[in-house]
Amino acid sequence: MVKGGFPFPMLSDAGGKIGTIYGVYDEAGGVDIRGRFIIDPDGVVQAVEMLTPPVGRKVSESIRQLQAFQHVRATKGAEVCPAGWEPGKPVLKVGPDLAGNVWKVWKPDE
């Protein structure tokens, strides 16, 4: 949990208006299907996660993904975060030399 709360907006959709727009409103049940949308400052949806009620969410994974998207945005796309990336771990430098060589450059166990 982030001390003092989340440093980004979150919302509840009691009337289903937003859920209808994003295609997650269950009209018969009158509720939204559990969903998480990461939307960047330009209004572009960067990530979507949908879960049915029997499976819970992992807040730390949502925060990790937010941090990864923030890192990529801060570097203007010059650096990307590979699978399983954690803050402080190596990133990949985007460029022609990376094509076909990701596994030579990225060492996830190091």
PDB file of N, CA and C in Angstrom:
ATOM      1  N   MET A   1       0.823  -1.172   0.000  1.00  0.00           N
ATOM      2  CA  MET A   1       0.000   0.000   0.000  1.00  0.00           C
ATOM      3  C   MET A   1       0.876   1.248   0.000  1.00  0.00           C
ATOM      4  N   VAL A   2       0.482   2.249  -0.709  1.00  0.00           N
ATOM      5  CA  VAL A   2       1.207   3.507  -0.756  1.00  0.00           C
ATOM      6  C   VAL A   2       0.853   4.322   0.478  1.00  0.00           C
ATOM      7  N   LYS A   3       1.866   4.774   1.209  1.00  0.00           N
ATOM      8  CA  LYS A   3       1.633   5.555   2.417  1.00  0.00           C
ATOM      9  C   LYS A   3       0.768   6.772   2.096  1.00  0.00           C
ATOM     10  N   GLY A   4      -0.315   6.935   2.842  1.00  0.00           N
ATOM     11  CA  GLY A   4      -1.196   8.082   2.621  1.00  0.00           C
ATOM     12  C   GLY A   4      -2.192   7.876   1.495  1.00  0.00           C
ATOM     13  N   GLY A   5      -2.235   6.703   0.913  1.00  0.00           N
ATOM     14  CA  GLY A   5      -3.188   6.443  -0.166  1.00  0.00           C
ATOM     15  C   GLY A   5      -2.505   6.328  -1.517  1.00  0.00           C
ATOM     16  N   PHE A   6      -3.300   6.188  -2.535  1.00  0.00           N
ATOM     17  CA  PHE A   6      -2.785   6.039  -3.889  1.00  0.00           C
ATOM     18  C   PHE A   6      -2.525   7.407  -4.499  1.00  0.00           C
ATOM     19  N   PRO A   7      -1.368   7.602  -5.118  1.00  0.00           N
ATOM     20  CA  PRO A   7      -1.046   8.900  -5.715  1.00  0.00           C
ATOM     21  C   PRO A   7      -1.597   9.032  -7.140  1.00  0.00           C
ATOM     22  N   PHE A   8      -2.727   8.417  -7.401  1.00  0.00           N
ATOM     23  CA  PHE A   8      -3.358   8.494  -8.711  1.00  0.00           C
ATOM     24  C   PHE A   8      -4.856   8.326  -8.509  1.00  0.00           C
ATOM     25  N   PRO A   9      -5.656   8.816  -9.446  1.00  0.00           N
ATOM     26  CA  PRO A   9      -7.113   8.742  -9.260  1.00  0.00           C
ATOM     27  C   PRO A   9      -7.663   7.327  -9.412  1.00  0.00           C
ATOM     28  N   MET A  10      -8.630   7.013  -8.577  1.00  0.00           N
ATOM     29  CA  MET A  10      -9.379   5.766  -8.663  1.00  0.00           C
ATOM     30  C   MET A  10     -10.850   6.172  -8.607  1.00  0.00           C
ATOM     31  N   LEU A  11     -11.734   5.327  -9.107  1.00  0.00           N
ATOM     32  CA  LEU A  11     -13.140   5.686  -9.064  1.00  0.00           C
ATOM     33  C   LEU A  11     -14.025   4.490  -8.822  1.00  0.00           C
ATOM     34  N   SER A  12     -15.239   4.788  -8.442  1.00  0.00           N
ATOM     35  CA  SER A  12     -16.281   3.786  -8.280  1.00  0.00           C
ATOM     36  C   SER A  12     -17.365   4.127  -9.288  1.00  0.00           C
ATOM     37  N   ASP A  13     -18.060   3.136  -9.796  1.00  0.00           N
ATOM     38  CA  ASP A  13     -19.027   3.351 -10.876  1.00  0.00           C
ATOM     39  C   ASP A  13     -20.381   2.767 -10.506  1.00  0.00           C
ATOM     40  N   ALA A  14     -21.008   3.337  -9.485  1.00  0.00           N
ATOM     41  CA  ALA A  14     -22.272   2.791  -8.973  1.00  0.00           C
ATOM     42  C   ALA A  14     -23.368   2.722 -10.032  1.00  0.00           C
ATOM     43  N   GLY A  15     -23.427   3.655 -10.943  1.00  0.00           N
ATOM     44  CA  GLY A  15     -24.485   3.664 -11.949  1.00  0.00           C
ATOM     45  C   GLY A  15     -24.166   2.897 -13.211  1.00  0.00           C
ATOM     46  N   GLY A  16     -22.936   2.431 -13.357  1.00  0.00           N
ATOM     47  CA  GLY A  16     -22.561   1.653 -14.529  1.00  0.00           C
ATOM     48  C   GLY A  16     -22.289   2.464 -15.780  1.00  0.00           C
ATOM     49  N   LYS A  17     -22.235   3.773 -15.670  1.00  0.00           N
ATOM     50  CA  LYS A  17     -22.016   4.599 -16.871  1.00  0.00           C
ATOM     51  C   LYS A  17     -20.622   4.370 -17.469  1.00  0.00           C
ATOM     52  N   ILE A  18     -19.629   4.368 -16.621  1.00  0.00           N
ATOM     53  CA  ILE A  18     -18.263   4.173 -17.114  1.00  0.00           C
ATOM     54  C   ILE A  18     -18.065   2.727 -17.546  1.00  0.00           C
ATOM     55  N   GLY A  19     -18.622   1.776 -16.778  1.00  0.00           N
ATOM     56  CA  GLY A  19     -18.528   0.366 -17.144  1.00  0.00           C
ATOM     57  C   GLY A  19     -19.137   0.077 -18.496  1.00  0.00           C
ATOM     58  N   THR A  20     -20.213   0.775 -18.811  1.00  0.00           N
ATOM     59  CA  THR A  20     -20.855   0.601 -20.117  1.00  0.00           C
ATOM     60  C   THR A  20     -19.911   1.067 -21.222  1.00  0.00           C
ATOM     61  N   ILE A  21     -19.262   2.199 -21.023  1.00  0.00           N
ATOM     62  CA  ILE A  21     -18.327   2.728 -22.017  1.00  0.00           C
ATOM     63  C   ILE A  21     -17.167   1.753 -22.247  1.00  0.00           C
ATOM     64  N   TYR A  22     -16.658   1.156 -21.164  1.00  0.00           N
ATOM     65  CA  TYR A  22     -15.514   0.251 -21.272  1.00  0.00           C
ATOM     66  C   TYR A  22     -15.911  -1.208 -21.492  1.00  0.00           C
ATOM     67  N   GLY A  23     -17.201  -1.473 -21.598  1.00  0.00           N
ATOM     68  CA  GLY A  23     -17.664  -2.821 -21.917  1.00  0.00           C
ATOM     69  C   GLY A  23     -17.600  -3.807 -20.779  1.00  0.00           C
ATOM     70  N   VAL A  24     -17.673  -3.325 -19.530  1.00  0.00           N
ATOM     71  CA  VAL A  24     -17.581  -4.230 -18.383  1.00  0.00           C
ATOM     72  C   VAL A  24     -18.823  -4.189 -17.489  1.00  0.00           C
ATOM     73  N   TYR A  25     -19.856  -3.486 -17.933  1.00  0.00           N
ATOM     74  CA  TYR A  25     -21.063  -3.390 -17.112  1.00  0.00           C
ATOM     75  C   TYR A  25     -21.962  -4.595 -17.366  1.00  0.00           C
ATOM     76  N   ASP A  26     -22.311  -5.311 -16.294  1.00  0.00           N
ATOM     77  CA  ASP A  26     -23.224  -6.450 -16.359  1.00  0.00           C
ATOM     78  C   ASP A  26     -24.624  -5.911 -16.082  1.00  0.00           C
ATOM     79  N   GLU A  27     -25.361  -5.646 -17.147  1.00  0.00           N
ATOM     80  CA  GLU A  27     -26.680  -5.030 -17.017  1.00  0.00           C
ATOM     81  C   GLU A  27     -27.642  -5.896 -16.211  1.00  0.00           C
ATOM     82  N   ALA A  28     -27.611  -7.203 -16.419  1.00  0.00           N
ATOM     83  CA  ALA A  28     -28.525  -8.106 -15.693  1.00  0.00           C
ATOM     84  C   ALA A  28     -28.247  -8.061 -14.187  1.00  0.00           C
ATOM     85  N   GLY A  29     -26.982  -8.011 -13.813  1.00  0.00           N
ATOM     86  CA  GLY A  29     -26.619  -7.976 -12.399  1.00  0.00           C
ATOM     87  C   GLY A  29     -26.587  -6.568 -11.823  1.00  0.00           C
ATOM     88  N   GLY A  30     -26.572  -5.567 -12.705  1.00  0.00           N
ATOM     89  CA  GLY A  30     -26.520  -4.186 -12.259  1.00  0.00           C
ATOM     90  C   GLY A  30     -25.194  -3.775 -11.649  1.00  0.00           C
ATOM     91  N   VAL A  31     -24.118  -4.469 -12.053  1.00  0.00           N
ATOM     92  CA  VAL A  31     -22.788  -4.168 -11.507  1.00  0.00           C
ATOM     93  C   VAL A  31     -21.743  -4.222 -12.615  1.00  0.00           C
ATOM     94  N   ASP A  32     -20.611  -3.594 -12.338  1.00  0.00           N
ATOM     95  CA  ASP A  32     -19.470  -3.709 -13.239  1.00  0.00           C
ATOM     96  C   ASP A  32     -18.708  -4.986 -12.907  1.00  0.00           C
ATOM     97  N   ILE A  33     -18.177  -5.634 -13.923  1.00  0.00           N
ATOM     98  CA  ILE A  33     -17.248  -6.736 -13.709  1.00  0.00           C
ATOM     99  C   ILE A  33     -15.974  -6.095 -13.179  1.00  0.00           C
ATOM    100  N   ARG A  34     -15.316  -6.742 -12.239  1.00  0.00           N
ATOM    101  CA  ARG A  34     -14.092  -6.163 -11.689  1.00  0.00           C
ATOM    102  C   ARG A  34     -13.096  -5.895 -12.797  1.00  0.00           C
ATOM    103  N   GLY A  35     -12.639  -4.679 -12.844  1.00  0.00           N
ATOM    104  CA  GLY A  35     -11.686  -4.322 -13.877  1.00  0.00           C
ATOM    105  C   GLY A  35     -10.717  -3.271 -13.390  1.00  0.00           C
ATOM    106  N   ARG A  36      -9.568  -3.277 -14.015  1.00  0.00           N
ATOM    107  CA  ARG A  36      -8.559  -2.260 -13.742  1.00  0.00           C
ATOM    108  C   ARG A  36      -8.062  -1.758 -15.081  1.00  0.00           C
ATOM    109  N   PHE A  37      -8.132  -0.459 -15.246  1.00  0.00           N
ATOM    110  CA  PHE A  37      -7.675   0.183 -16.469  1.00  0.00           C
ATOM    111  C   PHE A  37      -6.587   1.175 -16.091  1.00  0.00           C
ATOM    112  N   ILE A  38      -5.432   1.065 -16.713  1.00  0.00           N
ATOM    113  CA  ILE A  38      -4.388   2.064 -16.521  1.00  0.00           C
ATOM    114  C   ILE A  38      -4.459   2.976 -17.736  1.00  0.00           C
ATOM    115  N   ILE A  39      -4.765   4.234 -17.459  1.00  0.00           N
ATOM    116  CA  ILE A  39      -4.953   5.230 -18.513  1.00  0.00           C
ATOM    117  C   ILE A  39      -3.893   6.306 -18.321  1.00  0.00           C
ATOM    118  N   ASP A  40      -3.125   6.572 -19.371  1.00  0.00           N
ATOM    119  CA  ASP A  40      -2.034   7.537 -19.235  1.00  0.00           C
ATOM    120  C   ASP A  40      -2.569   8.975 -19.240  1.00  0.00           C
ATOM    121  N   PRO A  41      -1.690   9.949 -18.955  1.00  0.00           N
ATOM    122  CA  PRO A  41      -2.137  11.342 -18.901  1.00  0.00           C
ATOM    123  C   PRO A  41      -2.730  11.864 -20.206  1.00  0.00           C
ATOM    124  N   ASP A  42      -2.451  11.183 -21.323  1.00  0.00           N
ATOM    125  CA  ASP A  42      -3.029  11.581 -22.608  1.00  0.00           C
ATOM    126  C   ASP A  42      -4.384  10.936 -22.860  1.00  0.00           C
ATOM    127  N   GLY A  43      -4.859  10.125 -21.905  1.00  0.00           N
ATOM    128  CA  GLY A  43      -6.154   9.471 -22.051  1.00  0.00           C
ATOM    129  C   GLY A  43      -6.100   8.160 -22.813  1.00  0.00           C
ATOM    130  N   VAL A  44      -4.903   7.623 -23.031  1.00  0.00           N
ATOM    131  CA  VAL A  44      -4.739   6.365 -23.764  1.00  0.00           C
ATOM    132  C   VAL A  44      -4.726   5.205 -22.768  1.00  0.00           C
ATOM    133  N   VAL A  45      -5.571   4.195 -23.014  1.00  0.00           N
ATOM    134  CA  VAL A  45      -5.597   3.016 -22.159  1.00  0.00           C
ATOM    135  C   VAL A  45      -4.326   2.217 -22.431  1.00  0.00           C
ATOM    136  N   GLN A  46      -3.512   2.043 -21.401  1.00  0.00           N
ATOM    137  CA  GLN A  46      -2.251   1.315 -21.537  1.00  0.00           C
ATOM    138  C   GLN A  46      -2.358  -0.133 -21.067  1.00  0.00           C
ATOM    139  N   ALA A  47      -3.285  -0.418 -20.144  1.00  0.00           N
ATOM    140  CA  ALA A  47      -3.417  -1.779 -19.626  1.00  0.00           C
ATOM    141  C   ALA A  47      -4.848  -2.001 -19.141  1.00  0.00           C
ATOM    142  N   VAL A  48      -5.305  -3.246 -19.282  1.00  0.00           N
ATOM    143  CA  VAL A  48      -6.636  -3.644 -18.838  1.00  0.00           C
ATOM    144  C   VAL A  48      -6.518  -4.990 -18.147  1.00  0.00           C
ATOM    145  N   GLU A  49      -7.186  -5.135 -17.019  1.00  0.00           N
ATOM    146  CA  GLU A  49      -7.250  -6.426 -16.343  1.00  0.00           C
ATOM    147  C   GLU A  49      -8.691  -6.647 -15.908  1.00  0.00           C
ATOM    148  N   MET A  50      -9.241  -7.809 -16.236  1.00  0.00           N
ATOM    149  CA  MET A  50     -10.615  -8.150 -15.858  1.00  0.00           C
ATOM    150  C   MET A  50     -10.573  -9.417 -15.015  1.00  0.00           C
ATOM    151  N   LEU A  51     -11.276  -9.390 -13.892  1.00  0.00           N
ATOM    152  CA  LEU A  51     -11.325 -10.555 -13.011  1.00  0.00           C
ATOM    153  C   LEU A  51     -12.760 -10.823 -12.578  1.00  0.00           C
ATOM    154  N   THR A  52     -13.122 -12.087 -12.538  1.00  0.00           N
ATOM    155  CA  THR A  52     -14.433 -12.446 -12.000  1.00  0.00           C
ATOM    156  C   THR A  52     -14.329 -12.463 -10.475  1.00  0.00           C
ATOM    157  N   PRO A  53     -15.451 -12.329  -9.775  1.00  0.00           N
ATOM    158  CA  PRO A  53     -15.412 -12.218  -8.310  1.00  0.00           C
ATOM    159  C   PRO A  53     -14.643 -13.298  -7.546  1.00  0.00           C
ATOM    160  N   PRO A  54     -14.577 -14.553  -8.019  1.00  0.00           N
ATOM    161  CA  PRO A  54     -13.856 -15.549  -7.220  1.00  0.00           C
ATOM    162  C   PRO A  54     -12.343 -15.338  -7.122  1.00  0.00           C
ATOM    163  N   VAL A  55     -11.774 -14.489  -7.988  1.00  0.00           N
ATOM    164  CA  VAL A  55     -10.326 -14.288  -7.994  1.00  0.00           C
ATOM    165  C   VAL A  55     -10.019 -12.846  -7.590  1.00  0.00           C
ATOM    166  N   GLY A  56      -9.221 -12.697  -6.560  1.00  0.00           N
ATOM    167  CA  GLY A  56      -8.874 -11.368  -6.070  1.00  0.00           C
ATOM    168  C   GLY A  56      -7.739 -10.733  -6.847  1.00  0.00           C
ATOM    169  N   ARG A  57      -7.623  -9.447  -6.670  1.00  0.00           N
ATOM    170  CA  ARG A  57      -6.564  -8.689  -7.326  1.00  0.00           C
ATOM    171  C   ARG A  57      -5.350  -8.586  -6.418  1.00  0.00           C
ATOM    172  N   LYS A  58      -4.221  -8.278  -7.013  1.00  0.00           N
ATOM    173  CA  LYS A  58      -2.991  -8.083  -6.250  1.00  0.00           C
ATOM    174  C   LYS A  58      -2.555  -6.631  -6.443  1.00  0.00           C
ATOM    175  N   VAL A  59      -2.770  -5.831  -5.431  1.00  0.00           N
ATOM    176  CA  VAL A  59      -2.502  -4.402  -5.522  1.00  0.00           C
ATOM    177  C   VAL A  59      -1.047  -4.127  -5.866  1.00  0.00           C
ATOM    178  N   SER A  60      -0.126  -4.913  -5.306  1.00  0.00           N
ATOM    179  CA  SER A  60       1.294  -4.664  -5.584  1.00  0.00           C
ATOM    180  C   SER A  60       1.605  -4.835  -7.074  1.00  0.00           C
ATOM    181  N   GLU A  61       0.901  -5.716  -7.764  1.00  0.00           N
ATOM    182  CA  GLU A  61       1.113  -5.887  -9.208  1.00  0.00           C
ATOM    183  C   GLU A  61       0.605  -4.663  -9.958  1.00  0.00           C
ATOM    184  N   SER A  62      -0.515  -4.125  -9.538  1.00  0.00           N
ATOM    185  CA  SER A  62      -1.027  -2.905 -10.172  1.00  0.00           C
ATOM    186  C   SER A  62      -0.037  -1.761  -9.993  1.00  0.00           C
ATOM    187  N   ILE A  63       0.523  -1.637  -8.809  1.00  0.00           N
ATOM    188  CA  ILE A  63       1.495  -0.568  -8.531  1.00  0.00           C
ATOM    189  C   ILE A  63       2.749  -0.784  -9.359  1.00  0.00           C
ATOM    190  N   ARG A  64       3.216  -2.041  -9.466  1.00  0.00           N
ATOM    191  CA  ARG A  64       4.405  -2.340 -10.274  1.00  0.00           C
ATOM    192  C   ARG A  64       4.180  -1.939 -11.727  1.00  0.00           C
ATOM    193  N   GLN A  65       3.004  -2.253 -12.252  1.00  0.00           N
ATOM    194  CA  GLN A  65       2.709  -1.895 -13.635  1.00  0.00           C
ATOM    195  C   GLN A  65       2.646  -0.379 -13.812  1.00  0.00           C
ATOM    196  N   LEU A  66       2.034   0.312 -12.863  1.00  0.00           N
ATOM    197  CA  LEU A  66       2.007   1.774 -12.932  1.00  0.00           C
ATOM    198  C   LEU A  66       3.426   2.338 -12.968  1.00  0.00           C
ATOM    199  N   GLN A  67       4.290   1.811 -12.104  1.00  0.00           N
ATOM    200  CA  GLN A  67       5.676   2.284 -12.060  1.00  0.00           C
ATOM    201  C   GLN A  67       6.382   2.021 -13.391  1.00  0.00           C
ATOM    202  N   ALA A  68       6.111   0.873 -13.999  1.00  0.00           N
ATOM    203  CA  ALA A  68       6.721   0.551 -15.291  1.00  0.00           C
ATOM    204  C   ALA A  68       6.235   1.517 -16.370  1.00  0.00           C
ATOM    205  N   PHE A  69       4.932   1.769 -16.421  1.00  0.00           N
ATOM    206  CA  PHE A  69       4.406   2.708 -17.417  1.00  0.00           C
ATOM    207  C   PHE A  69       4.948   4.115 -17.176  1.00  0.00           C
ATOM    208  N   GLN A  70       5.091   4.503 -15.924  1.00  0.00           N
ATOM    209  CA  GLN A  70       5.647   5.817 -15.613  1.00  0.00           C
ATOM    210  C   GLN A  70       7.106   5.909 -16.052  1.00  0.00           C
ATOM    211  N   HIS A  71       7.856   4.827 -15.852  1.00  0.00           N
ATOM    212  CA  HIS A  71       9.265   4.820 -16.268  1.00  0.00           C
ATOM    213  C   HIS A  71       9.379   4.971 -17.786  1.00  0.00           C
ATOM    214  N   VAL A  72       8.606   4.191 -18.502  1.00  0.00           N
ATOM    215  CA  VAL A  72       8.649   4.248 -19.966  1.00  0.00           C
ATOM    216  C   VAL A  72       8.271   5.652 -20.445  1.00  0.00           C
ATOM    217  N   ARG A  73       7.248   6.228 -19.829  1.00  0.00           N
ATOM    218  CA  ARG A  73       6.822   7.574 -20.211  1.00  0.00           C
ATOM    219  C   ARG A  73       7.915   8.604 -19.893  1.00  0.00           C
ATOM    220  N   ALA A  74       8.553   8.469 -18.732  1.00  0.00           N
ATOM    221  CA  ALA A  74       9.595   9.415 -18.332  1.00  0.00           C
ATOM    222  C   ALA A  74      10.784   9.382 -19.285  1.00  0.00           C
ATOM    223  N   THR A  75      11.052   8.210 -19.880  1.00  0.00           N
ATOM    224  CA  THR A  75      12.175   8.097 -20.822  1.00  0.00           C
ATOM    225  C   THR A  75      11.723   8.319 -22.261  1.00  0.00           C
ATOM    226  N   LYS A  76      10.466   8.725 -22.411  1.00  0.00           N
ATOM    227  CA  LYS A  76       9.876   8.969 -23.737  1.00  0.00           C
ATOM    228  C   LYS A  76      10.003   7.747 -24.644  1.00  0.00           C
ATOM    229  N   GLY A  77       9.932   6.561 -24.036  1.00  0.00           N
ATOM    230  CA  GLY A  77       9.967   5.317 -24.792  1.00  0.00           C
ATOM    231  C   GLY A  77      11.354   4.839 -25.158  1.00  0.00           C
ATOM    232  N   ALA A  78      12.388   5.535 -24.712  1.00  0.00           N
ATOM    233  CA  ALA A  78      13.759   5.113 -25.021  1.00  0.00           C
ATOM    234  C   ALA A  78      14.150   3.875 -24.224  1.00  0.00           C
ATOM    235  N   GLU A  79      13.478   3.674 -23.087  1.00  0.00           N
ATOM    236  CA  GLU A  79      13.711   2.488 -22.261  1.00  0.00           C
ATOM    237  C   GLU A  79      12.372   1.794 -22.044  1.00  0.00           C
ATOM    238  N   VAL A  80      12.403   0.462 -22.057  1.00  0.00           N
ATOM    239  CA  VAL A  80      11.199  -0.326 -21.806  1.00  0.00           C
ATOM    240  C   VAL A  80      11.465  -1.299 -20.666  1.00  0.00           C
ATOM    241  N   CYS A  81      10.392  -1.719 -20.032  1.00  0.00           N
ATOM    242  CA  CYS A  81      10.484  -2.604 -18.876  1.00  0.00           C
ATOM    243  C   CYS A  81      10.106  -4.014 -19.294  1.00  0.00           C
ATOM    244  N   PRO A  82      11.050  -4.950 -19.230  1.00  0.00           N
ATOM    245  CA  PRO A  82      10.761  -6.318 -19.654  1.00  0.00           C
ATOM    246  C   PRO A  82       9.815  -7.025 -18.680  1.00  0.00           C
ATOM    247  N   ALA A  83       9.380  -8.206 -19.066  1.00  0.00           N
ATOM    248  CA  ALA A  83       8.480  -9.001 -18.235  1.00  0.00           C
ATOM    249  C   ALA A  83       9.061  -9.194 -16.845  1.00  0.00           C
ATOM    250  N   GLY A  84       8.234  -9.000 -15.833  1.00  0.00           N
ATOM    251  CA  GLY A  84       8.663  -9.192 -14.462  1.00  0.00           C
ATOM    252  C   GLY A  84       9.513  -8.064 -13.906  1.00  0.00           C
ATOM    253  N   TRP A  85       9.683  -6.990 -14.667  1.00  0.00           N
ATOM    254  CA  TRP A  85      10.508  -5.861 -14.231  1.00  0.00           C
ATOM    255  C   TRP A  85      10.017  -5.325 -12.897  1.00  0.00           C
ATOM    256  N   GLU A  86      10.948  -4.965 -12.045  1.00  0.00           N
ATOM    257  CA  GLU A  86      10.679  -4.314 -10.768  1.00  0.00           C
ATOM    258  C   GLU A  86      11.467  -3.016 -10.734  1.00  0.00           C
ATOM    259  N   PRO A  87      10.956  -1.994 -10.046  1.00  0.00           N
ATOM    260  CA  PRO A  87      11.708  -0.745  -9.940  1.00  0.00           C
ATOM    261  C   PRO A  87      13.127  -0.989  -9.443  1.00  0.00           C
ATOM    262  N   GLY A  88      14.079  -0.344 -10.102  1.00  0.00           N
ATOM    263  CA  GLY A  88      15.482  -0.501  -9.748  1.00  0.00           C
ATOM    264  C   GLY A  88      16.189  -1.601 -10.519  1.00  0.00           C
ATOM    265  N   LYS A  89      15.423  -2.453 -11.190  1.00  0.00           N
ATOM    266  CA  LYS A  89      16.014  -3.529 -11.983  1.00  0.00           C
ATOM    267  C   LYS A  89      16.352  -3.005 -13.380  1.00  0.00           C
ATOM    268  N   PRO A  90      17.189  -3.727 -14.134  1.00  0.00           N
ATOM    269  CA  PRO A  90      17.573  -3.265 -15.469  1.00  0.00           C
ATOM    270  C   PRO A  90      16.385  -3.129 -16.418  1.00  0.00           C
ATOM    271  N   VAL A  91      16.501  -2.160 -17.293  1.00  0.00           N
ATOM    272  CA  VAL A  91      15.517  -1.939 -18.347  1.00  0.00           C
ATOM    273  C   VAL A  91      16.199  -2.237 -19.678  1.00  0.00           C
ATOM    274  N   LEU A  92      15.430  -2.208 -20.737  1.00  0.00           N
ATOM    275  CA  LEU A  92      15.988  -2.421 -22.071  1.00  0.00           C
ATOM    276  C   LEU A  92      16.024  -1.095 -22.810  1.00  0.00           C
ATOM    277  N   LYS A  93      17.120  -0.826 -23.490  1.00  0.00           N
ATOM    278  CA  LYS A  93      17.267   0.377 -24.312  1.00  0.00           C
ATOM    279  C   LYS A  93      16.744   0.048 -25.702  1.00  0.00           C
ATOM    280  N   VAL A  94      15.769   0.795 -26.140  1.00  0.00           N
ATOM    281  CA  VAL A  94      15.136   0.554 -27.434  1.00  0.00           C
ATOM    282  C   VAL A  94      16.066   0.999 -28.558  1.00  0.00           C
ATOM    283  N   GLY A  95      16.173   0.176 -29.580  1.00  0.00           N
ATOM    284  CA  GLY A  95      16.992   0.518 -30.741  1.00  0.00           C
ATOM    285  C   GLY A  95      17.134  -0.683 -31.651  1.00  0.00           C
ATOM    286  N   PRO A  96      17.676  -0.469 -32.841  1.00  0.00           N
ATOM    287  CA  PRO A  96      17.799  -1.558 -33.805  1.00  0.00           C
ATOM    288  C   PRO A  96      18.647  -2.720 -33.302  1.00  0.00           C
ATOM    289  N   ASP A  97      19.622  -2.447 -32.435  1.00  0.00           N
ATOM    290  CA  ASP A  97      20.479  -3.520 -31.921  1.00  0.00           C
ATOM    291  C   ASP A  97      19.718  -4.476 -31.008  1.00  0.00           C
ATOM    292  N   LEU A  98      18.590  -4.033 -30.465  1.00  0.00           N
ATOM    293  CA  LEU A  98      17.815  -4.875 -29.558  1.00  0.00           C
ATOM    294  C   LEU A  98      17.004  -5.934 -30.312  1.00  0.00           C
ATOM    295  N   ALA A  99      16.611  -5.607 -31.542  1.00  0.00           N
ATOM    296  CA  ALA A  99      15.783  -6.530 -32.335  1.00  0.00           C
ATOM    297  C   ALA A  99      16.489  -7.873 -32.501  1.00  0.00           C
ATOM    298  N   GLY A 100      15.835  -8.938 -32.050  1.00  0.00           N
ATOM    299  CA  GLY A 100      16.375 -10.280 -32.153  1.00  0.00           C
ATOM    300  C   GLY A 100      17.441 -10.612 -31.119  1.00  0.00           C
ATOM    301  N   ASN A 101      17.748  -9.646 -30.250  1.00  0.00           N
ATOM    302  CA  ASN A 101      18.815  -9.854 -29.273  1.00  0.00           C
ATOM    303  C   ASN A 101      18.354  -9.662 -27.830  1.00  0.00           C
ATOM    304  N   VAL A 102      17.068  -9.592 -27.607  1.00  0.00           N
ATOM    305  CA  VAL A 102      16.565  -9.334 -26.257  1.00  0.00           C
ATOM    306  C   VAL A 102      17.146 -10.331 -25.265  1.00  0.00           C
ATOM    307  N   TRP A 103      17.161 -11.595 -25.613  1.00  0.00           N
ATOM    308  CA  TRP A 103      17.624 -12.622 -24.659  1.00  0.00           C
ATOM    309  C   TRP A 103      19.126 -12.570 -24.417  1.00  0.00           C
ATOM    310  N   LYS A 104      19.868 -11.897 -25.306  1.00  0.00           N
ATOM    311  CA  LYS A 104      21.294 -11.709 -25.073  1.00  0.00           C
ATOM    312  C   LYS A 104      21.533 -10.547 -24.127  1.00  0.00           C
ATOM    313  N   VAL A 105      20.631  -9.566 -24.147  1.00  0.00           N
ATOM    314  CA  VAL A 105      20.776  -8.346 -23.359  1.00  0.00           C
ATOM    315  C   VAL A 105      20.088  -8.469 -22.001  1.00  0.00           C
ATOM    316  N   TRP A 106      18.904  -9.047 -21.976  1.00  0.00           N
ATOM    317  CA  TRP A 106      18.089  -9.103 -20.763  1.00  0.00           C
ATOM    318  C   TRP A 106      18.370 -10.386 -19.993  1.00  0.00           C
ATOM    319  N   LYS A 107      18.845 -10.243 -18.784  1.00  0.00           N
ATOM    320  CA  LYS A 107      19.154 -11.371 -17.912  1.00  0.00           C
ATOM    321  C   LYS A 107      18.254 -11.270 -16.680  1.00  0.00           C
ATOM    322  N   PRO A 108      17.055 -11.858 -16.739  1.00  0.00           N
ATOM    323  CA  PRO A 108      16.087 -11.684 -15.655  1.00  0.00           C
ATOM    324  C   PRO A 108      16.519 -12.251 -14.296  1.00  0.00           C
ATOM    325  N   ASP A 109      17.456 -13.177 -14.281  1.00  0.00           N
ATOM    326  CA  ASP A 109      17.871 -13.783 -13.018  1.00  0.00           C
ATOM    327  C   ASP A 109      19.035 -13.055 -12.357  1.00  0.00           C
ATOM    328  N   GLU A 110      19.547 -12.029 -13.014  1.00  0.00           N
ATOM    329  CA  GLU A 110      20.702 -11.307 -12.442  1.00  0.00           C
ATOM    330  C   GLU A 110      20.234 -10.191 -11.549  1.00  0.00           C
TER     331      GLU A 110
END
